[in-house]
Amino acid sequence: MAEAADRDPTPGPGADPDPDPEGHKGPLTIYLVKQLELAIRSFMDEALRPYGLTTFQYTALTVLQHRGRLSSAQLARRSFVRPQTMHEIVRALEERGLLERAHAPGNRRVMEARLTREGEDLLAACAPAVQRLEDRLLLDIPEKRRSDFRQGLEDGLASLTGWHHG
């Protein structure tokens, strides 16, 4: 897998040397987005380590903070991980008292997770470290281009997943 990230993303022989209609040269946008994701994940893991959280755990907690009660399957979809992975994440967070699970109203077969006060407090404690990373990401992007950058990311996400912010 690491080998794929090290490969030259330029097209092979016979491929259109300039497939970008705007004439941009260099790596494909999807390659750049993946590199950005990997960098963010590395820096997030480092920033969250003092709080005893991984990026995946932090993501799950923030999804619950914004969405309220969710089943593990719903949480997995919104956190972009497999259900099996989310099951492990939920179990670890529950053991730490950062979330709790209860039967869903109207369906006792479904367990829903929700953030506990301890989970909310931990997210509040993490917020400055995460904001510093956000600020670092945007540091070299001129203020007037930041909303276009965010909009481009949201548009790309919507194109691939149908997910729309807001």
C-alpha atoms as a PDB file:
ATOM      1  CA  MET A   1       0.000   0.000   0.000  1.00  0.00           C
ATOM      2  CA  ALA A   2       2.824   2.404   0.855  1.00  0.00           C
ATOM      3  CA  GLU A   3       4.331   1.541  -2.512  1.00  0.00           C
ATOM      4  CA  ALA A   4       1.260   2.916  -4.294  1.00  0.00           C
ATOM      5  CA  ALA A   5       1.718   6.262  -2.550  1.00  0.00           C
ATOM      6  CA  ASP A   6       5.358   6.394  -3.688  1.00  0.00           C
ATOM      7  CA  ARG A   7       4.583   5.741  -7.355  1.00  0.00           C
ATOM      8  CA  ASP A   8       4.656   8.509  -9.901  1.00  0.00           C
ATOM      9  CA  PRO A   9       1.009   9.503 -10.464  1.00  0.00           C
ATOM     10  CA  THR A  10       1.682  10.810 -13.982  1.00  0.00           C
ATOM     11  CA  PRO A  11      -0.017   8.993 -16.864  1.00  0.00           C
ATOM     12  CA  GLY A  12       1.773   6.192 -18.701  1.00  0.00           C
ATOM     13  CA  PRO A  13       2.808   6.061 -22.360  1.00  0.00           C
ATOM     14  CA  GLY A  14       0.030   6.885 -24.783  1.00  0.00           C
ATOM     15  CA  ALA A  15      -2.063   8.671 -22.171  1.00  0.00           C
ATOM     16  CA  ASP A  16      -3.142  12.241 -22.718  1.00  0.00           C
ATOM     17  CA  PRO A  17      -0.240  14.232 -21.227  1.00  0.00           C
ATOM     18  CA  ASP A  18      -2.607  17.058 -20.247  1.00  0.00           C
ATOM     19  CA  PRO A  19      -6.014  15.619 -19.297  1.00  0.00           C
ATOM     20  CA  ASP A  20      -6.846  18.649 -17.124  1.00  0.00           C
ATOM     21  CA  PRO A  21      -8.971  21.054 -19.192  1.00  0.00           C
ATOM     22  CA  GLU A  22      -7.520  23.986 -17.236  1.00  0.00           C
ATOM     23  CA  GLY A  23      -4.002  22.934 -18.218  1.00  0.00           C
ATOM     24  CA  HIS A  24      -2.676  22.086 -14.725  1.00  0.00           C
ATOM     25  CA  LYS A  25       0.435  19.926 -14.730  1.00  0.00           C
ATOM     26  CA  GLY A  26       1.510  17.568 -12.000  1.00  0.00           C
ATOM     27  CA  PRO A  27      -0.170  14.932  -9.896  1.00  0.00           C
ATOM     28  CA  LEU A  28      -3.857  14.144 -10.131  1.00  0.00           C
ATOM     29  CA  THR A  29      -6.122  15.974  -7.720  1.00  0.00           C
ATOM     30  CA  ILE A  30      -7.127  12.689  -6.073  1.00  0.00           C
ATOM     31  CA  TYR A  31      -3.456  11.975  -5.366  1.00  0.00           C
ATOM     32  CA  LEU A  32      -3.039  15.395  -3.733  1.00  0.00           C
ATOM     33  CA  VAL A  33      -6.200  14.934  -1.667  1.00  0.00           C
ATOM     34  CA  LYS A  34      -4.942  11.539  -0.472  1.00  0.00           C
ATOM     35  CA  GLN A  35      -1.572  13.038   0.473  1.00  0.00           C
ATOM     36  CA  LEU A  36      -3.381  15.801   2.378  1.00  0.00           C
ATOM     37  CA  GLU A  37      -5.535  13.216   4.164  1.00  0.00           C
ATOM     38  CA  LEU A  38      -2.461  11.226   5.209  1.00  0.00           C
ATOM     39  CA  ALA A  39      -0.704  14.352   6.461  1.00  0.00           C
ATOM     40  CA  ILE A  40      -3.774  15.484   8.417  1.00  0.00           C
ATOM     41  CA  ARG A  41      -4.181  12.032   9.939  1.00  0.00           C
ATOM     42  CA  SER A  42      -0.551  11.976  11.067  1.00  0.00           C
ATOM     43  CA  PHE A  43      -0.717  15.454  12.600  1.00  0.00           C
ATOM     44  CA  MET A  44      -4.136  14.748  14.161  1.00  0.00           C
ATOM     45  CA  ASP A  45      -2.867  11.544  15.778  1.00  0.00           C
ATOM     46  CA  GLU A  46       0.075  13.501  17.185  1.00  0.00           C
ATOM     47  CA  ALA A  47      -2.155  16.346  18.454  1.00  0.00           C
ATOM     48  CA  LEU A  48      -4.655  13.933  20.037  1.00  0.00           C
ATOM     49  CA  ARG A  49      -2.115  11.567  21.617  1.00  0.00           C
ATOM     50  CA  PRO A  50      -1.911  13.602  24.888  1.00  0.00           C
ATOM     51  CA  TYR A  51      -5.679  13.118  25.240  1.00  0.00           C
ATOM     52  CA  GLY A  52      -5.489   9.366  24.663  1.00  0.00           C
ATOM     53  CA  LEU A  53      -7.436   9.528  21.393  1.00  0.00           C
ATOM     54  CA  THR A  54      -6.806   8.464  17.829  1.00  0.00           C
ATOM     55  CA  THR A  55      -8.099  10.408  14.847  1.00  0.00           C
ATOM     56  CA  PHE A  56     -10.778   7.744  14.285  1.00  0.00           C
ATOM     57  CA  GLN A  57     -11.937   7.945  17.903  1.00  0.00           C
ATOM     58  CA  TYR A  58     -11.991  11.739  17.781  1.00  0.00           C
ATOM     59  CA  THR A  59     -14.011  11.623  14.564  1.00  0.00           C
ATOM     60  CA  ALA A  60     -16.562   9.272  16.114  1.00  0.00           C
ATOM     61  CA  LEU A  61     -16.934  11.541  19.149  1.00  0.00           C
ATOM     62  CA  THR A  62     -17.384  14.671  17.025  1.00  0.00           C
ATOM     63  CA  VAL A  63     -19.966  12.929  14.844  1.00  0.00           C
ATOM     64  CA  LEU A  64     -21.927  12.037  17.979  1.00  0.00           C
ATOM     65  CA  GLN A  65     -21.522  15.590  19.231  1.00  0.00           C
ATOM     66  CA  HIS A  66     -23.122  16.945  16.056  1.00  0.00           C
ATOM     67  CA  ARG A  67     -25.665  14.180  15.362  1.00  0.00           C
ATOM     68  CA  GLY A  68     -26.777  12.979  18.776  1.00  0.00           C
ATOM     69  CA  ARG A  69     -27.730   9.307  19.162  1.00  0.00           C
ATOM     70  CA  LEU A  70     -26.542   6.960  16.392  1.00  0.00           C
ATOM     71  CA  SER A  71     -26.218   3.222  15.921  1.00  0.00           C
ATOM     72  CA  SER A  72     -22.730   1.856  15.328  1.00  0.00           C
ATOM     73  CA  ALA A  73     -23.608   1.281  11.666  1.00  0.00           C
ATOM     74  CA  GLN A  74     -24.737   4.908  11.241  1.00  0.00           C
ATOM     75  CA  LEU A  75     -21.674   6.133  13.089  1.00  0.00           C
ATOM     76  CA  ALA A  76     -19.410   4.007  10.868  1.00  0.00           C
ATOM     77  CA  ARG A  77     -20.926   5.502   7.697  1.00  0.00           C
ATOM     78  CA  ARG A  78     -20.572   9.057   8.967  1.00  0.00           C
ATOM     79  CA  SER A  79     -17.011   8.415  10.180  1.00  0.00           C
ATOM     80  CA  PHE A  80     -15.878   6.697   6.946  1.00  0.00           C
ATOM     81  CA  VAL A  81     -14.849   3.411   8.581  1.00  0.00           C
ATOM     82  CA  ARG A  82     -16.058  -0.182   8.316  1.00  0.00           C
ATOM     83  CA  PRO A  83     -18.728  -1.321  10.793  1.00  0.00           C
ATOM     84  CA  GLN A  84     -16.305  -3.806  12.383  1.00  0.00           C
ATOM     85  CA  THR A  85     -13.799  -1.019  12.985  1.00  0.00           C
ATOM     86  CA  MET A  86     -16.482   1.211  14.488  1.00  0.00           C
ATOM     87  CA  HIS A  87     -17.572  -1.594  16.811  1.00  0.00           C
ATOM     88  CA  GLU A  88     -14.037  -1.659  18.255  1.00  0.00           C
ATOM     89  CA  ILE A  89     -13.921   2.145  18.488  1.00  0.00           C
ATOM     90  CA  VAL A  90     -17.294   2.318  20.254  1.00  0.00           C
ATOM     91  CA  ARG A  91     -16.298  -0.407  22.702  1.00  0.00           C
ATOM     92  CA  ALA A  92     -13.048   1.392  23.602  1.00  0.00           C
ATOM     93  CA  LEU A  93     -14.779   4.760  23.996  1.00  0.00           C
ATOM     94  CA  GLU A  94     -17.534   3.193  26.083  1.00  0.00           C
ATOM     95  CA  GLU A  95     -14.959   1.547  28.378  1.00  0.00           C
ATOM     96  CA  ARG A  96     -13.416   4.999  28.943  1.00  0.00           C
ATOM     97  CA  GLY A  97     -16.824   6.482  29.742  1.00  0.00           C
ATOM     98  CA  LEU A  98     -16.716   8.863  26.765  1.00  0.00           C
ATOM     99  CA  LEU A  99     -19.920   7.493  25.270  1.00  0.00           C
ATOM    100  CA  GLU A 100     -22.741   5.269  26.399  1.00  0.00           C
ATOM    101  CA  ARG A 101     -25.096   2.982  24.554  1.00  0.00           C
ATOM    102  CA  ALA A 102     -28.772   2.305  25.088  1.00  0.00           C
ATOM    103  CA  HIS A 103     -31.538   0.573  23.167  1.00  0.00           C
ATOM    104  CA  ALA A 104     -33.048   2.721  20.434  1.00  0.00           C
ATOM    105  CA  PRO A 105     -36.532   3.975  21.189  1.00  0.00           C
ATOM    106  CA  GLY A 106     -38.956   1.777  19.279  1.00  0.00           C
ATOM    107  CA  ASN A 107     -36.366  -0.873  18.341  1.00  0.00           C
ATOM    108  CA  ARG A 108     -34.780  -2.778  21.193  1.00  0.00           C
ATOM    109  CA  ARG A 109     -32.534  -4.705  18.784  1.00  0.00           C
ATOM    110  CA  VAL A 110     -30.608  -1.537  17.878  1.00  0.00           C
ATOM    111  CA  MET A 111     -28.144   0.000  20.309  1.00  0.00           C
ATOM    112  CA  GLU A 112     -27.486   3.706  19.916  1.00  0.00           C
ATOM    113  CA  ALA A 113     -24.416   5.519  21.179  1.00  0.00           C
ATOM    114  CA  ARG A 114     -24.423   8.982  22.628  1.00  0.00           C
ATOM    115  CA  LEU A 115     -21.734  11.237  24.007  1.00  0.00           C
ATOM    116  CA  THR A 116     -21.367  11.417  27.793  1.00  0.00           C
ATOM    117  CA  ARG A 117     -20.447  14.526  29.758  1.00  0.00           C
ATOM    118  CA  GLU A 118     -16.897  13.132  29.973  1.00  0.00           C
ATOM    119  CA  GLY A 119     -16.843  12.808  26.193  1.00  0.00           C
ATOM    120  CA  GLU A 120     -18.039  16.376  25.753  1.00  0.00           C
ATOM    121  CA  ASP A 121     -15.401  17.603  28.204  1.00  0.00           C
ATOM    122  CA  LEU A 122     -12.649  15.711  26.385  1.00  0.00           C
ATOM    123  CA  LEU A 123     -13.713  17.181  23.031  1.00  0.00           C
ATOM    124  CA  ALA A 124     -13.622  20.654  24.574  1.00  0.00           C
ATOM    125  CA  ALA A 125     -10.115  19.951  25.875  1.00  0.00           C
ATOM    126  CA  CYS A 126      -8.988  18.760  22.404  1.00  0.00           C
ATOM    127  CA  ALA A 127     -10.503  21.749  20.584  1.00  0.00           C
ATOM    128  CA  PRO A 128      -7.485  24.107  20.852  1.00  0.00           C
ATOM    129  CA  ALA A 129      -5.072  21.463  19.501  1.00  0.00           C
ATOM    130  CA  VAL A 130      -7.390  20.663  16.602  1.00  0.00           C
ATOM    131  CA  GLN A 131      -7.898  24.368  15.868  1.00  0.00           C
ATOM    132  CA  ARG A 132      -4.117  24.885  15.763  1.00  0.00           C
ATOM    133  CA  LEU A 133      -3.910  22.152  13.111  1.00  0.00           C
ATOM    134  CA  GLU A 134      -6.760  23.754  11.127  1.00  0.00           C
ATOM    135  CA  ASP A 135      -4.963  27.100  11.331  1.00  0.00           C
ATOM    136  CA  ARG A 136      -1.707  25.483  10.181  1.00  0.00           C
ATOM    137  CA  LEU A 137      -3.486  23.878   7.210  1.00  0.00           C
ATOM    138  CA  LEU A 138      -4.890  27.232   6.107  1.00  0.00           C
ATOM    139  CA  LEU A 139      -1.781  29.297   6.920  1.00  0.00           C
ATOM    140  CA  ASP A 140      -0.440  29.517   3.353  1.00  0.00           C
ATOM    141  CA  ILE A 141      -3.849  29.890   1.715  1.00  0.00           C
ATOM    142  CA  PRO A 142      -4.715  33.559   1.266  1.00  0.00           C
ATOM    143  CA  GLU A 143      -7.783  34.571   3.270  1.00  0.00           C
ATOM    144  CA  LYS A 144      -9.738  35.388   0.107  1.00  0.00           C
ATOM    145  CA  ARG A 145      -9.196  31.830  -1.262  1.00  0.00           C
ATOM    146  CA  ARG A 146     -10.084  29.874   1.888  1.00  0.00           C
ATOM    147  CA  SER A 147     -13.815  29.720   1.228  1.00  0.00           C
ATOM    148  CA  ASP A 148     -13.136  28.557  -2.359  1.00  0.00           C
ATOM    149  CA  PHE A 149     -10.804  25.863  -0.999  1.00  0.00           C
ATOM    150  CA  ARG A 150     -13.487  24.627   1.418  1.00  0.00           C
ATOM    151  CA  GLN A 151     -16.169  24.817  -1.274  1.00  0.00           C
ATOM    152  CA  GLY A 152     -14.016  22.800  -3.655  1.00  0.00           C
ATOM    153  CA  LEU A 153     -13.548  20.082  -1.036  1.00  0.00           C
ATOM    154  CA  GLU A 154     -17.287  20.032  -0.286  1.00  0.00           C
ATOM    155  CA  ASP A 155     -18.140  19.906  -4.005  1.00  0.00           C
ATOM    156  CA  GLY A 156     -15.742  17.000  -4.571  1.00  0.00           C
ATOM    157  CA  LEU A 157     -17.204  15.127  -1.617  1.00  0.00           C
ATOM    158  CA  ALA A 158     -20.738  15.746  -2.885  1.00  0.00           C
ATOM    159  CA  SER A 159     -19.797  14.557  -6.387  1.00  0.00           C
ATOM    160  CA  LEU A 160     -18.459  11.261  -5.080  1.00  0.00           C
ATOM    161  CA  THR A 161     -20.853  10.533  -2.221  1.00  0.00           C
ATOM    162  CA  GLY A 162     -23.948  12.657  -2.674  1.00  0.00           C
ATOM    163  CA  TRP A 163     -23.233  14.217   0.723  1.00  0.00           C
ATOM    164  CA  HIS A 164     -23.992  17.925   0.902  1.00  0.00           C
ATOM    165  CA  HIS A 165     -22.900  20.153   3.785  1.00  0.00           C
ATOM    166  CA  GLY A 166     -25.474  22.234   5.559  1.00  0.00           C
END
